[in-house]
Amino acid sequence: RAVFDTSGNVIGMSGILRDITDRKRIEDALRESEEKFRSIVETSPNL
């Protein structure tokens, strides 16, 4: 978010950084698994 001076002018920013690396890895693994499952279903519709 913006940081303001006493006159209301933006003088910078402050923020919070959260590491979401593990969440991204899980999301990527889930997406990869869904793609494999979709590929199996699409190539073998009688399953």
All heavy atoms as atom14 arrays in JSON, in Angstrom:
{
  "sequence": "RAVFDTSGNVIGMSGILRDITDRKRIEDALRESEEKFRSIVETSPNL",
  "atom14_mask": [
    [1, 1, 1, 1, 1, 1, 1, 1, 1, 1, 1, 0, 0, 0],
    [1, 1, 1, 1, 1, 0, 0, 0, 0, 0, 0, 0, 0, 0],
    [1, 1, 1, 1, 1, 1, 1, 0, 0, 0, 0, 0, 0, 0],
    [1, 1, 1, 1, 1, 1, 1, 1, 1, 1, 1, 0, 0, 0],
    [1, 1, 1, 1, 1, 1, 1, 1, 0, 0, 0, 0, 0, 0],
    [1, 1, 1, 1, 1, 1, 1, 0, 0, 0, 0, 0, 0, 0],
    [1, 1, 1, 1, 1, 1, 0, 0, 0, 0, 0, 0, 0, 0],
    [1, 1, 1, 1, 0, 0, 0, 0, 0, 0, 0, 0, 0, 0],
    [1, 1, 1, 1, 1, 1, 1, 1, 0, 0, 0, 0, 0, 0],
    [1, 1, 1, 1, 1, 1, 1, 0, 0, 0, 0, 0, 0, 0],
    [1, 1, 1, 1, 1, 1, 1, 1, 0, 0, 0, 0, 0, 0],
    [1, 1, 1, 1, 0, 0, 0, 0, 0, 0, 0, 0, 0, 0],
    [1, 1, 1, 1, 1, 1, 1, 1, 0, 0, 0, 0, 0, 0],
    [1, 1, 1, 1, 1, 1, 0, 0, 0, 0, 0, 0, 0, 0],
    [1, 1, 1, 1, 0, 0, 0, 0, 0, 0, 0, 0, 0, 0],
    [1, 1, 1, 1, 1, 1, 1, 1, 0, 0, 0, 0, 0, 0],
    [1, 1, 1, 1, 1, 1, 1, 1, 0, 0, 0, 0, 0, 0],
    [1, 1, 1, 1, 1, 1, 1, 1, 1, 1, 1, 0, 0, 0],
    [1, 1, 1, 1, 1, 1, 1, 1, 0, 0, 0, 0, 0, 0],
    [1, 1, 1, 1, 1, 1, 1, 1, 0, 0, 0, 0, 0, 0],
    [1, 1, 1, 1, 1, 1, 1, 0, 0, 0, 0, 0, 0, 0],
    [1, 1, 1, 1, 1, 1, 1, 1, 0, 0, 0, 0, 0, 0],
    [1, 1, 1, 1, 1, 1, 1, 1, 1, 1, 1, 0, 0, 0],
    [1, 1, 1, 1, 1, 1, 1, 1, 1, 0, 0, 0, 0, 0],
    [1, 1, 1, 1, 1, 1, 1, 1, 1, 1, 1, 0, 0, 0],
    [1, 1, 1, 1, 1, 1, 1, 1, 0, 0, 0, 0, 0, 0],
    [1, 1, 1, 1, 1, 1, 1, 1, 1, 0, 0, 0, 0, 0],
    [1, 1, 1, 1, 1, 1, 1, 1, 0, 0, 0, 0, 0, 0],
    [1, 1, 1, 1, 1, 0, 0, 0, 0, 0, 0, 0, 0, 0],
    [1, 1, 1, 1, 1, 1, 1, 1, 0, 0, 0, 0, 0, 0],
    [1, 1, 1, 1, 1, 1, 1, 1, 1, 1, 1, 0, 0, 0],
    [1, 1, 1, 1, 1, 1, 1, 1, 1, 0, 0, 0, 0, 0],
    [1, 1, 1, 1, 1, 1, 0, 0, 0, 0, 0, 0, 0, 0],
    [1, 1, 1, 1, 1, 1, 1, 1, 1, 0, 0, 0, 0, 0],
    [1, 1, 1, 1, 1, 1, 1, 1, 1, 0, 0, 0, 0, 0],
    [1, 1, 1, 1, 1, 1, 1, 1, 1, 0, 0, 0, 0, 0],
    [1, 1, 1, 1, 1, 1, 1, 1, 1, 1, 1, 0, 0, 0],
    [1, 1, 1, 1, 1, 1, 1, 1, 1, 1, 1, 0, 0, 0],
    [1, 1, 1, 1, 1, 1, 0, 0, 0, 0, 0, 0, 0, 0],
    [1, 1, 1, 1, 1, 1, 1, 1, 0, 0, 0, 0, 0, 0],
    [1, 1, 1, 1, 1, 1, 1, 0, 0, 0, 0, 0, 0, 0],
    [1, 1, 1, 1, 1, 1, 1, 1, 1, 0, 0, 0, 0, 0],
    [1, 1, 1, 1, 1, 1, 1, 0, 0, 0, 0, 0, 0, 0],
    [1, 1, 1, 1, 1, 1, 0, 0, 0, 0, 0, 0, 0, 0],
    [1, 1, 1, 1, 1, 1, 1, 0, 0, 0, 0, 0, 0, 0],
    [1, 1, 1, 1, 1, 1, 1, 1, 0, 0, 0, 0, 0, 0],
    [1, 1, 1, 1, 1, 1, 1, 1, 0, 0, 0, 0, 0, 0]
  ],
  "atom14_positions": [
    [[0.84, -1.19, 0.0], [0.0, 0.0, 0.0], [0.87, 1.23, 0.0], [2.06, 1.16, 0.31], [-0.98, 0.01, 1.16], [-0.39, -0.02, 2.53], [-1.44, -0.05, 3.66], [-2.46, -1.03, 3.47], [-3.75, -0.75, 3.16], [-4.15, 0.47, 3.06], [-4.63, -1.69, 2.99], [0.0, 0.0, 0.0], [0.0, 0.0, 0.0], [0.0, 0.0, 0.0]],
    [[0.28, 2.34, -0.34], [1.01, 3.6, -0.41], [1.3, 4.12, 0.99], [0.53, 3.9, 1.92], [0.2, 4.64, -1.19], [0.0, 0.0, 0.0], [0.0, 0.0, 0.0], [0.0, 0.0, 0.0], [0.0, 0.0, 0.0], [0.0, 0.0, 0.0], [0.0, 0.0, 0.0], [0.0, 0.0, 0.0], [0.0, 0.0, 0.0], [0.0, 0.0, 0.0]],
    [[2.42, 4.84, 1.11], [2.77, 5.55, 2.34], [2.62, 7.03, 2.02], [3.11, 7.51, 0.99], [4.22, 5.23, 2.78], [4.61, 6.07, 3.97], [4.37, 3.75, 3.08], [0.0, 0.0, 0.0], [0.0, 0.0, 0.0], [0.0, 0.0, 0.0], [0.0, 0.0, 0.0], [0.0, 0.0, 0.0], [0.0, 0.0, 0.0], [0.0, 0.0, 0.0]],
    [[1.93, 7.75, 2.89], [1.63, 9.17, 2.66], [2.37, 10.04, 3.66], [2.6, 9.64, 4.8], [0.13, 9.42, 2.82], [-0.72, 8.62, 1.87], [-1.21, 7.38, 2.23], [-1.04, 9.12, 0.62], [-1.99, 6.63, 1.36], [-1.82, 8.38, -0.26], [-2.29, 7.14, 0.11], [0.0, 0.0, 0.0], [0.0, 0.0, 0.0], [0.0, 0.0, 0.0]],
    [[2.7, 11.27, 3.23], [3.25, 12.24, 4.18], [2.08, 12.96, 4.85], [0.91, 12.66, 4.59], [4.22, 13.21, 3.49], [3.57, 14.1, 2.44], [2.32, 14.17, 2.37], [4.31, 14.75, 1.7], [0.0, 0.0, 0.0], [0.0, 0.0, 0.0], [0.0, 0.0, 0.0], [0.0, 0.0, 0.0], [0.0, 0.0, 0.0], [0.0, 0.0, 0.0]],
    [[2.38, 13.92, 5.71], [1.32, 14.6, 6.46], [0.42, 15.45, 5.58], [-0.69, 15.79, 5.98], [1.94, 15.49, 7.57], [2.87, 16.4, 6.96], [2.64, 14.66, 8.62], [0.0, 0.0, 0.0], [0.0, 0.0, 0.0], [0.0, 0.0, 0.0], [0.0, 0.0, 0.0], [0.0, 0.0, 0.0], [0.0, 0.0, 0.0], [0.0, 0.0, 0.0]],
    [[0.86, 15.76, 4.37], [0.04, 16.53, 3.43], [-0.81, 15.64, 2.53], [-1.55, 16.13, 1.69], [0.93, 17.41, 2.55], [1.66, 18.3, 3.34], [0.0, 0.0, 0.0], [0.0, 0.0, 0.0], [0.0, 0.0, 0.0], [0.0, 0.0, 0.0], [0.0, 0.0, 0.0], [0.0, 0.0, 0.0], [0.0, 0.0, 0.0], [0.0, 0.0, 0.0]],
    [[-0.68, 14.31, 2.68], [-1.46, 13.39, 1.87], [-0.81, 12.99, 0.57], [-1.43, 12.33, -0.26], [0.0, 0.0, 0.0], [0.0, 0.0, 0.0], [0.0, 0.0, 0.0], [0.0, 0.0, 0.0], [0.0, 0.0, 0.0], [0.0, 0.0, 0.0], [0.0, 0.0, 0.0], [0.0, 0.0, 0.0], [0.0, 0.0, 0.0], [0.0, 0.0, 0.0]],
    [[0.44, 13.36, 0.37], [1.18, 12.97, -0.84], [1.8, 11.59, -0.65], [2.32, 11.29, 0.42], [2.28, 13.99, -1.14], [1.74, 15.37, -1.34], [0.79, 15.56, -2.1], [2.3, 16.34, -0.64], [0.0, 0.0, 0.0], [0.0, 0.0, 0.0], [0.0, 0.0, 0.0], [0.0, 0.0, 0.0], [0.0, 0.0, 0.0], [0.0, 0.0, 0.0]],
    [[1.77, 10.78, -1.7], [2.41, 9.47, -1.65], [3.92, 9.68, -1.65], [4.47, 10.36, -2.52], [1.98, 8.59, -2.85], [2.73, 7.27, -2.84], [0.48, 8.35, -2.84], [0.0, 0.0, 0.0], [0.0, 0.0, 0.0], [0.0, 0.0, 0.0], [0.0, 0.0, 0.0], [0.0, 0.0, 0.0], [0.0, 0.0, 0.0], [0.0, 0.0, 0.0]],
    [[4.59, 9.08, -0.65], [6.05, 9.21, -0.55], [6.76, 7.87, -0.68], [7.98, 7.8, -0.63], [6.47, 9.91, 0.76], [5.94, 9.13, 1.97], [6.0, 11.35, 0.76], [6.5, 9.61, 3.29], [0.0, 0.0, 0.0], [0.0, 0.0, 0.0], [0.0, 0.0, 0.0], [0.0, 0.0, 0.0], [0.0, 0.0, 0.0], [0.0, 0.0, 0.0]],
    [[5.99, 6.8, -0.83], [6.59, 5.49, -0.98], [5.54, 4.4, -0.83], [4.34, 4.65, -0.97], [0.0, 0.0, 0.0], [0.0, 0.0, 0.0], [0.0, 0.0, 0.0], [0.0, 0.0, 0.0], [0.0, 0.0, 0.0], [0.0, 0.0, 0.0], [0.0, 0.0, 0.0], [0.0, 0.0, 0.0], [0.0, 0.0, 0.0], [0.0, 0.0, 0.0]],
    [[6.03, 3.21, -0.53], [5.15, 2.06, -0.37], [5.62, 1.23, 0.82], [6.81, 1.23, 1.14], [5.18, 1.18, -1.62], [4.58, 1.81, -2.84], [4.79, 0.82, -4.35], [4.31, -0.8, -3.85], [0.0, 0.0, 0.0], [0.0, 0.0, 0.0], [0.0, 0.0, 0.0], [0.0, 0.0, 0.0], [0.0, 0.0, 0.0], [0.0, 0.0, 0.0]],
    [[4.7, 0.52, 1.42], [5.06, -0.47, 2.42], [4.32, -1.74, 2.06], [3.26, -1.7, 1.43], [4.7, 0.0, 3.84], [3.3, 0.1, 3.98], [0.0, 0.0, 0.0], [0.0, 0.0, 0.0], [0.0, 0.0, 0.0], [0.0, 0.0, 0.0], [0.0, 0.0, 0.0], [0.0, 0.0, 0.0], [0.0, 0.0, 0.0], [0.0, 0.0, 0.0]],
    [[4.89, -2.87, 2.44], [4.24, -4.11, 2.07], [4.69, -5.29, 2.9], [5.61, -5.2, 3.72], [0.0, 0.0, 0.0], [0.0, 0.0, 0.0], [0.0, 0.0, 0.0], [0.0, 0.0, 0.0], [0.0, 0.0, 0.0], [0.0, 0.0, 0.0], [0.0, 0.0, 0.0], [0.0, 0.0, 0.0], [0.0, 0.0, 0.0], [0.0, 0.0, 0.0]],
    [[4.0, -6.37, 2.65], [4.28, -7.64, 3.3], [4.47, -8.68, 2.2], [3.62, -8.82, 1.33], [3.13, -8.07, 4.23], [2.92, -7.01, 5.33], [3.39, -9.44, 4.82], [1.7, -7.24, 6.18], [0.0, 0.0, 0.0], [0.0, 0.0, 0.0], [0.0, 0.0, 0.0], [0.0, 0.0, 0.0], [0.0, 0.0, 0.0], [0.0, 0.0, 0.0]],
    [[5.6, -9.35, 2.25], [5.91, -10.41, 1.29], [5.75, -11.76, 1.97], [6.36, -12.02, 3.0], [7.35, -10.28, 0.79], [7.69, -9.02, 0.01], [9.2, -8.92, -0.21], [6.96, -9.0, -1.32], [0.0, 0.0, 0.0], [0.0, 0.0, 0.0], [0.0, 0.0, 0.0], [0.0, 0.0, 0.0], [0.0, 0.0, 0.0], [0.0, 0.0, 0.0]],
    [[4.94, -12.62, 1.38], [4.71, -13.96, 1.92], [5.24, -14.98, 0.92], [4.91, -14.92, -0.26], [3.23, -14.18, 2.16], [2.91, -15.61, 2.6], [1.55, -15.72, 3.18], [1.59, -15.03, 4.46], [0.51, -14.56, 5.08], [-0.68, -14.67, 4.54], [0.61, -13.95, 6.24], [0.0, 0.0, 0.0], [0.0, 0.0, 0.0], [0.0, 0.0, 0.0]],
    [[6.04, -15.9, 1.39], [6.58, -16.95, 0.54], [5.47, -17.96, 0.25], [4.91, -18.56, 1.16], [7.76, -17.64, 1.21], [8.53, -18.54, 0.26], [7.89, -19.3, -0.48], [9.77, -18.46, 0.27], [0.0, 0.0, 0.0], [0.0, 0.0, 0.0], [0.0, 0.0, 0.0], [0.0, 0.0, 0.0], [0.0, 0.0, 0.0], [0.0, 0.0, 0.0]],
    [[5.14, -18.12, -1.02], [4.09, -19.06, -1.43], [4.67, -20.15, -2.34], [3.94, -20.78, -3.1], [2.92, -18.33, -2.13], [3.39, -17.59, -3.38], [2.2, -17.41, -1.16], [2.27, -17.11, -4.27], [0.0, 0.0, 0.0], [0.0, 0.0, 0.0], [0.0, 0.0, 0.0], [0.0, 0.0, 0.0], [0.0, 0.0, 0.0], [0.0, 0.0, 0.0]],
    [[5.96, -20.39, -2.22], [6.64, -21.38, -3.08], [6.0, -22.75, -2.93], [5.73, -23.42, -3.94], [8.14, -21.43, -2.74], [8.69, -20.1, -2.89], [8.87, -22.39, -3.64], [0.0, 0.0, 0.0], [0.0, 0.0, 0.0], [0.0, 0.0, 0.0], [0.0, 0.0, 0.0], [0.0, 0.0, 0.0], [0.0, 0.0, 0.0], [0.0, 0.0, 0.0]],
    [[5.76, -23.2, -1.71], [5.15, -24.52, -1.5], [3.76, -24.6, -2.12], [3.4, -25.59, -2.76], [5.09, -24.87, -0.01], [6.45, -25.14, 0.58], [7.4, -25.45, -0.19], [6.6, -25.03, 1.81], [0.0, 0.0, 0.0], [0.0, 0.0, 0.0], [0.0, 0.0, 0.0], [0.0, 0.0, 0.0], [0.0, 0.0, 0.0], [0.0, 0.0, 0.0]],
    [[2.98, -23.54, -1.96], [1.64, -23.51, -2.56], [1.73, -23.61, -4.07], [0.96, -24.35, -4.7], [0.92, -22.23, -2.14], [-0.49, -22.16, -2.68], [-1.2, -20.92, -2.22], [-1.0, -19.87, -3.21], [-1.29, -18.61, -3.02], [-1.76, -18.19, -1.86], [-1.11, -17.72, -3.98], [0.0, 0.0, 0.0], [0.0, 0.0, 0.0], [0.0, 0.0, 0.0]],
    [[2.66, -22.89, -4.68], [2.82, -22.94, -6.14], [3.24, -24.34, -6.6], [2.77, -24.81, -7.64], [3.83, -21.89, -6.61], [3.33, -20.47, -6.49], [2.12, -20.24, -7.33], [2.41, -19.41, -8.52], [1.23, -19.13, -9.34], [0.0, 0.0, 0.0], [0.0, 0.0, 0.0], [0.0, 0.0, 0.0], [0.0, 0.0, 0.0], [0.0, 0.0, 0.0]],
    [[4.12, -24.99, -5.86], [4.53, -26.36, -6.22], [3.35, -27.31, -6.16], [3.18, -28.17, -7.04], [5.63, -26.84, -5.28], [6.97, -26.2, -5.56], [8.05, -26.75, -4.67], [9.29, -26.03, -4.9], [10.14, -25.67, -3.96], [9.91, -25.98, -2.71], [11.22, -24.99, -4.26], [0.0, 0.0, 0.0], [0.0, 0.0, 0.0], [0.0, 0.0, 0.0]],
    [[2.52, -27.17, -5.14], [1.33, -28.03, -5.02], [0.37, -27.75, -6.17], [-0.19, -28.68, -6.77], [0.66, -27.81, -3.65], [1.55, -28.38, -2.54], [-0.73, -28.44, -3.6], [1.14, -27.98, -1.14], [0.0, 0.0, 0.0], [0.0, 0.0, 0.0], [0.0, 0.0, 0.0], [0.0, 0.0, 0.0], [0.0, 0.0, 0.0], [0.0, 0.0, 0.0]],
    [[0.16, -26.47, -6.49], [-0.71, -26.12, -7.61], [-0.19, -26.7, -8.92], [-0.95, -27.23, -9.72], [-0.84, -24.59, -7.73], [-1.66, -23.96, -6.64], [-1.59, -22.43, -6.67], [-0.84, -21.87, -7.51], [-2.3, -21.81, -5.86], [0.0, 0.0, 0.0], [0.0, 0.0, 0.0], [0.0, 0.0, 0.0], [0.0, 0.0, 0.0], [0.0, 0.0, 0.0]],
    [[1.13, -26.62, -9.13], [1.73, -27.17, -10.36], [1.57, -28.68, -10.41], [1.25, -29.24, -11.46], [3.21, -26.8, -10.45], [3.43, -25.32, -10.75], [2.46, -24.64, -11.15], [4.57, -24.85, -10.56], [0.0, 0.0, 0.0], [0.0, 0.0, 0.0], [0.0, 0.0, 0.0], [0.0, 0.0, 0.0], [0.0, 0.0, 0.0], [0.0, 0.0, 0.0]],
    [[1.77, -29.36, -9.27], [1.62, -30.82, -9.23], [0.17, -31.22, -9.5], [-0.09, -32.18, -10.24], [2.08, -31.37, -7.88], [0.0, 0.0, 0.0], [0.0, 0.0, 0.0], [0.0, 0.0, 0.0], [0.0, 0.0, 0.0], [0.0, 0.0, 0.0], [0.0, 0.0, 0.0], [0.0, 0.0, 0.0], [0.0, 0.0, 0.0], [0.0, 0.0, 0.0]],
    [[-0.77, -30.48, -8.95], [-2.18, -30.76, -9.19], [-2.53, -30.54, -10.66], [-3.21, -31.36, -11.27], [-3.05, -29.86, -8.3], [-4.55, -30.03, -8.44], [-4.96, -31.46, -8.11], [-5.27, -29.04, -7.54], [0.0, 0.0, 0.0], [0.0, 0.0, 0.0], [0.0, 0.0, 0.0], [0.0, 0.0, 0.0], [0.0, 0.0, 0.0], [0.0, 0.0, 0.0]],
    [[-2.06, -29.45, -11.24], [-2.32, -29.17, -12.65], [-1.73, -30.28, -13.53], [-2.37, -30.76, -14.47], [-1.73, -27.8, -13.03], [-2.09, -27.32, -14.39], [-1.65, -25.89, -14.7], [-0.57, -25.32, -13.9], [-0.74, -24.53, -12.83], [-1.95, -24.21, -12.43], [0.29, -24.05, -12.17], [0.0, 0.0, 0.0], [0.0, 0.0, 0.0], [0.0, 0.0, 0.0]],
    [[-0.52, -30.71, -13.22], [0.12, -31.78, -13.99], [-0.67, -33.08, -13.88], [-0.89, -33.79, -14.87], [1.55, -31.98, -13.46], [2.4, -32.87, -14.31], [3.82, -32.92, -13.78], [4.46, -31.84, -13.72], [4.27, -34.03, -13.44], [0.0, 0.0, 0.0], [0.0, 0.0, 0.0], [0.0, 0.0, 0.0], [0.0, 0.0, 0.0], [0.0, 0.0, 0.0]],
    [[-1.15, -33.38, -12.68], [-1.94, -34.59, -12.47], [-3.26, -34.51, -13.25], [-3.68, -35.49, -13.88], [-2.23, -34.75, -10.98], [-3.09, -35.82, -10.75], [0.0, 0.0, 0.0], [0.0, 0.0, 0.0], [0.0, 0.0, 0.0], [0.0, 0.0, 0.0], [0.0, 0.0, 0.0], [0.0, 0.0, 0.0], [0.0, 0.0, 0.0], [0.0, 0.0, 0.0]],
    [[-3.92, -33.36, -13.23], [-5.16, -33.19, -13.98], [-4.93, -33.34, -15.48], [-5.74, -33.95, -16.18], [-5.76, -31.81, -13.68], [-6.37, -31.71, -12.3], [-6.83, -30.3, -11.96], [-6.45, -29.34, -12.68], [-7.56, -30.16, -10.98], [0.0, 0.0, 0.0], [0.0, 0.0, 0.0], [0.0, 0.0, 0.0], [0.0, 0.0, 0.0], [0.0, 0.0, 0.0]],
    [[-3.8, -32.81, -15.97], [-3.49, -32.93, -17.4], [-3.25, -34.38, -17.78], [-3.7, -34.84, -18.84], [-2.27, -32.06, -17.75], [-2.58, -30.58, -17.75], [-1.34, -29.71, -17.9], [-0.22, -30.25, -18.08], [-1.49, -28.48, -17.83], [0.0, 0.0, 0.0], [0.0, 0.0, 0.0], [0.0, 0.0, 0.0], [0.0, 0.0, 0.0], [0.0, 0.0, 0.0]],
    [[-2.56, -35.14, -16.94], [-2.33, -36.57, -17.21], [-3.64, -37.32, -17.24], [-3.88, -38.14, -18.12], [-1.4, -37.17, -16.16], [0.05, -36.77, -16.32], [0.9, -37.42, -15.24], [2.33, -36.93, -15.33], [3.16, -37.49, -14.25], [0.0, 0.0, 0.0], [0.0, 0.0, 0.0], [0.0, 0.0, 0.0], [0.0, 0.0, 0.0], [0.0, 0.0, 0.0]],
    [[-4.5, -37.05, -16.25], [-5.79, -37.72, -16.19], [-6.63, -37.37, -17.42], [-7.23, -38.25, -18.04], [-6.54, -37.33, -14.91], [-7.87, -37.99, -14.76], [-7.96, -39.34, -14.49], [-9.05, -37.26, -14.93], [-9.2, -39.96, -14.38], [-10.27, -37.86, -14.82], [-10.35, -39.22, -14.54], [0.0, 0.0, 0.0], [0.0, 0.0, 0.0], [0.0, 0.0, 0.0]],
    [[-6.65, -36.11, -17.79], [-7.41, -35.67, -18.96], [-6.88, -36.35, -20.22], [-7.64, -36.81, -21.07], [-7.32, -34.14, -19.13], [-8.2, -33.61, -20.25], [-8.18, -32.09, -20.36], [-8.61, -31.44, -19.13], [-7.81, -30.73, -18.31], [-6.55, -30.57, -18.6], [-8.28, -30.19, -17.22], [0.0, 0.0, 0.0], [0.0, 0.0, 0.0], [0.0, 0.0, 0.0]],
    [[-5.58, -36.47, -20.34], [-4.96, -37.12, -21.49], [-5.37, -38.59, -21.56], [-5.68, -39.11, -22.64], [-3.45, -36.98, -21.41], [-2.83, -37.7, -22.44], [0.0, 0.0, 0.0], [0.0, 0.0, 0.0], [0.0, 0.0, 0.0], [0.0, 0.0, 0.0], [0.0, 0.0, 0.0], [0.0, 0.0, 0.0], [0.0, 0.0, 0.0], [0.0, 0.0, 0.0]],
    [[-5.38, -39.26, -20.43], [-5.78, -40.67, -20.39], [-7.23, -40.82, -20.83], [-7.58, -41.68, -21.63], [-5.55, -41.27, -18.99], [-4.06, -41.39, -18.7], [-6.25, -42.62, -18.84], [-3.73, -41.75, -17.26], [0.0, 0.0, 0.0], [0.0, 0.0, 0.0], [0.0, 0.0, 0.0], [0.0, 0.0, 0.0], [0.0, 0.0, 0.0], [0.0, 0.0, 0.0]],
    [[-8.09, -39.95, -20.3], [-9.52, -40.02, -20.61], [-9.75, -39.71, -22.09], [-10.54, -40.38, -22.75], [-10.32, -39.05, -19.71], [-11.76, -38.91, -20.18], [-10.28, -39.53, -18.26], [0.0, 0.0, 0.0], [0.0, 0.0, 0.0], [0.0, 0.0, 0.0], [0.0, 0.0, 0.0], [0.0, 0.0, 0.0], [0.0, 0.0, 0.0], [0.0, 0.0, 0.0]],
    [[-9.04, -38.74, -22.62], [-9.24, -38.36, -24.02], [-8.75, -39.43, -24.99], [-9.32, -39.61, -26.06], [-8.54, -37.03, -24.31], [-9.24, -35.85, -23.68], [-8.46, -34.55, -23.8], [-7.32, -34.56, -24.33], [-8.98, -33.51, -23.36], [0.0, 0.0, 0.0], [0.0, 0.0, 0.0], [0.0, 0.0, 0.0], [0.0, 0.0, 0.0], [0.0, 0.0, 0.0]],
    [[-7.68, -40.15, -24.62], [-7.15, -41.18, -25.52], [-7.85, -42.51, -25.33], [-7.75, -43.37, -26.2], [-5.63, -41.34, -25.32], [-5.37, -41.71, -23.97], [-4.91, -40.08, -25.71], [0.0, 0.0, 0.0], [0.0, 0.0, 0.0], [0.0, 0.0, 0.0], [0.0, 0.0, 0.0], [0.0, 0.0, 0.0], [0.0, 0.0, 0.0], [0.0, 0.0, 0.0]],
    [[-8.51, -42.69, -24.22], [-9.22, -43.95, -23.96], [-10.62, -43.68, -23.44], [-10.93, -43.92, -22.27], [-8.44, -44.78, -22.92], [-7.12, -44.97, -23.33], [0.0, 0.0, 0.0], [0.0, 0.0, 0.0], [0.0, 0.0, 0.0], [0.0, 0.0, 0.0], [0.0, 0.0, 0.0], [0.0, 0.0, 0.0], [0.0, 0.0, 0.0], [0.0, 0.0, 0.0]],
    [[-11.53, -43.22, -24.28], [-12.88, -42.84, -23.81], [-13.67, -44.03, -23.28], [-14.62, -43.85, -22.54], [-13.55, -42.23, -25.04], [-12.74, -42.69, -26.21], [-11.37, -43.01, -25.7], [0.0, 0.0, 0.0], [0.0, 0.0, 0.0], [0.0, 0.0, 0.0], [0.0, 0.0, 0.0], [0.0, 0.0, 0.0], [0.0, 0.0, 0.0], [0.0, 0.0, 0.0]],
    [[-13.32, -45.26, -23.63], [-14.08, -46.43, -23.17], [-13.72, -46.83, -21.75], [-14.36, -47.72, -21.19], [-13.85, -47.61, -24.12], [-14.37, -47.32, -25.51], [-15.32, -46.55, -25.65], [-13.79, -47.93, -26.5], [0.0, 0.0, 0.0], [0.0, 0.0, 0.0], [0.0, 0.0, 0.0], [0.0, 0.0, 0.0], [0.0, 0.0, 0.0], [0.0, 0.0, 0.0]],
    [[-12.75, -46.19, -21.12], [-12.36, -46.53, -19.76], [-13.4, -46.06, -18.74], [-13.5, -46.62, -17.67], [-11.0, -45.9, -19.39], [-9.78, -46.53, -20.06], [-8.52, -45.73, -19.68], [-9.62, -47.98, -19.64], [0.0, 0.0, 0.0], [0.0, 0.0, 0.0], [0.0, 0.0, 0.0], [0.0, 0.0, 0.0], [0.0, 0.0, 0.0], [0.0, 0.0, 0.0]]
  ]
}
